[in-house]
C-alpha cells in the first residue's frame, strides 16, 4: 500500500541521516532528516536524531526545539527526554535540564543511573537558584 511505501521512504531517509551523522557529514545528515520530516512531520525518532545532529553543530536552541517536538509527538520517548536534559545542562540551562531529567527518570523508575542524574541535576539547579538569590541581595 502507499502507507507502507511512505513509511519505507521515511525509514530510508532516517538511515541516510544517521549514516551521514556517523561519518561527520552533519549538514547532509540534517538535509535527510529534514526530508524525512517532510514526509512525516510527527515522527519523534527523526526529531530526536535531528536534534542530536544540531547539538553536534552547537546549534543549541534548534536542538532543544527538535527535542521538544520529539517528546510532543511521543511523550514516553525516554531517549529524547534524556538527550534533551543533557543538552540543556551542557548549554547552561540547569533548571530546565533538571525538569527534563526528572521526567526521563519517571519513565524508567528502575534505572538507578537516571535517578542519580536527576538528583544531581536537581542539586545543581538548587545551587544555581540559591546563588542567584544571594547575588540579588
Protein backbone atom coordinates (compact mmCIF):
# COMPACT_ATOMS: atom_id res chain seq x y z
CA UNK A 1 0.00 0.00 0.00
CA UNK A 2 1.03 3.63 -0.27
CA UNK A 3 1.36 3.91 3.53
CA UNK A 4 3.97 1.12 3.53
CA UNK A 5 5.95 2.88 0.79
CA UNK A 6 5.67 6.16 2.67
CA UNK A 7 6.99 4.54 5.86
CA UNK A 8 9.79 2.86 3.92
CA UNK A 9 10.81 6.20 2.41
CA UNK A 10 10.91 7.83 5.85
CA UNK A 11 12.99 4.93 7.19
CA UNK A 12 15.49 5.18 4.32
CA UNK A 13 15.86 8.93 4.83
CA UNK A 14 16.43 8.35 8.56
CA UNK A 15 19.08 5.77 7.71
CA UNK A 16 20.79 8.22 5.37
CA UNK A 17 20.64 10.88 8.05
CA UNK A 18 22.25 8.50 10.51
CA UNK A 19 24.92 7.40 8.02
CA UNK A 20 25.86 10.99 7.30
CA UNK A 21 25.92 11.81 11.02
CA UNK A 22 28.32 8.98 11.91
CA UNK A 23 30.60 9.96 9.03
CA UNK A 24 30.56 13.58 10.26
CA UNK A 25 28.69 14.91 7.24
CA UNK A 26 26.37 16.78 9.54
CA UNK A 27 24.76 19.16 7.05
CA UNK A 28 23.93 16.21 4.77
CA UNK A 29 22.51 14.45 7.79
CA UNK A 30 20.26 17.41 8.60
CA UNK A 31 19.12 17.57 4.98
CA UNK A 32 17.97 13.93 5.01
CA UNK A 33 16.30 14.19 8.40
CA UNK A 34 14.53 17.30 7.10
CA UNK A 35 13.32 15.37 4.07
CA UNK A 36 12.04 12.61 6.36
CA UNK A 37 10.07 15.21 8.33
CA UNK A 38 8.52 16.50 5.12
CA UNK A 39 7.06 13.01 4.68
CA UNK A 40 6.09 12.53 8.33
CA UNK A 41 6.07 15.66 10.43
CA UNK A 42 5.07 13.70 13.54
CA UNK A 43 8.00 11.26 13.62
CA UNK A 44 9.59 11.55 17.06
CA UNK A 45 12.66 9.47 16.13
CA UNK A 46 13.53 11.84 13.31
CA UNK A 47 13.15 14.89 15.57
CA UNK A 48 15.35 13.27 18.21
CA UNK A 49 18.05 12.33 15.72
CA UNK A 50 17.93 15.74 14.06
CA UNK A 51 18.27 17.35 17.49
CA UNK A 52 21.36 15.23 18.17
CA UNK A 53 22.98 16.47 14.97
CA UNK A 54 22.03 20.08 15.70
CA UNK A 55 23.61 19.68 19.14
CA UNK A 56 26.79 18.37 17.50
CA UNK A 57 26.78 21.55 15.40
CA UNK A 58 26.39 23.54 18.65
CA UNK A 59 23.03 24.90 17.49
CA UNK A 60 21.57 24.52 20.97
CA UNK A 61 18.27 26.36 20.57
CA UNK A 62 17.46 24.49 17.35
CA UNK A 63 18.41 21.24 19.05
CA UNK A 64 16.12 21.93 22.01
CA UNK A 65 13.24 22.82 19.70
CA UNK A 66 13.59 19.45 17.97
CA UNK A 67 13.73 17.53 21.25
CA UNK A 68 10.59 19.39 22.24
CA UNK A 69 8.89 18.14 19.08
CA UNK A 70 10.09 14.58 19.71
CA UNK A 71 8.53 14.47 23.17
CA UNK A 72 5.41 16.28 21.95
CA UNK A 73 4.71 13.52 19.47
CA UNK A 74 5.90 10.73 21.74
CA UNK A 75 5.62 11.78 25.40
CA UNK A 76 7.05 8.46 26.64
CA UNK A 77 10.22 8.72 24.49
CA UNK A 78 12.89 8.09 27.12
CA UNK A 79 15.94 8.75 24.93
CA UNK A 80 14.55 12.08 23.76
CA UNK A 81 13.92 13.21 27.36
CA UNK A 82 17.45 12.15 28.37
CA UNK A 83 19.08 13.82 25.37
CA UNK A 84 17.01 16.95 25.92
CA UNK A 85 18.11 17.15 29.55
CA UNK A 86 21.78 16.54 28.82
CA UNK A 87 21.93 19.13 26.06
CA UNK A 88 20.10 21.69 28.18
CA UNK A 89 22.56 21.04 31.01
CA UNK A 90 25.57 21.44 28.72
CA UNK A 91 24.04 24.65 27.39
CA UNK A 92 23.82 26.06 30.92
CA UNK A 93 20.04 25.67 31.26
CA UNK A 94 20.37 23.76 34.54
CA UNK A 95 16.89 24.29 35.96
CA UNK A 96 15.12 23.17 32.80
CA UNK A 97 17.60 20.30 32.43
CA UNK A 98 16.68 19.09 35.92
CA UNK A 99 12.98 19.08 34.98
CA UNK A 100 13.60 17.10 31.80
CA UNK A 101 15.87 14.59 33.55
CA UNK A 102 13.25 14.10 36.27
CA UNK A 103 10.77 13.28 33.51
CA UNK A 104 13.21 10.77 31.99
CA UNK A 105 13.75 9.16 35.39
CA UNK A 106 9.99 8.90 35.91
CA UNK A 107 9.71 6.93 32.65
CA UNK A 108 12.28 4.37 33.84
CA UNK A 109 11.95 4.19 37.64
CA UNK A 110 14.13 1.05 37.76
CA UNK A 111 17.09 2.90 36.16
CA UNK A 112 19.38 3.92 39.01
CA UNK A 113 21.70 5.86 36.72
CA UNK A 114 18.85 8.06 35.56
CA UNK A 115 17.70 8.61 39.12
CA UNK A 116 21.25 9.66 40.03
CA UNK A 117 21.42 12.06 37.11
CA UNK A 118 18.03 13.50 38.04
CA UNK A 119 19.17 14.01 41.64
CA UNK A 120 22.47 15.55 40.54
CA UNK A 121 20.77 17.91 38.08
CA UNK A 122 18.23 18.94 40.73
CA UNK A 123 21.00 19.65 43.26
CA UNK A 124 22.86 21.75 40.69
CA UNK A 125 19.65 23.63 39.84
CA UNK A 126 19.05 24.29 43.56
CA UNK A 127 22.63 25.58 43.97
CA UNK A 128 22.22 27.85 40.96
CA UNK A 129 18.93 29.17 42.34
CA UNK A 130 20.48 29.86 45.74
CA UNK A 131 23.44 31.63 44.09
CA UNK A 132 21.08 33.83 42.08
CA UNK A 133 19.16 34.73 45.24
CA UNK A 134 22.41 35.67 47.00
CA UNK A 135 23.53 37.73 44.05
CA UNK A 136 20.28 39.71 44.21
CA UNK A 137 20.91 40.67 47.85
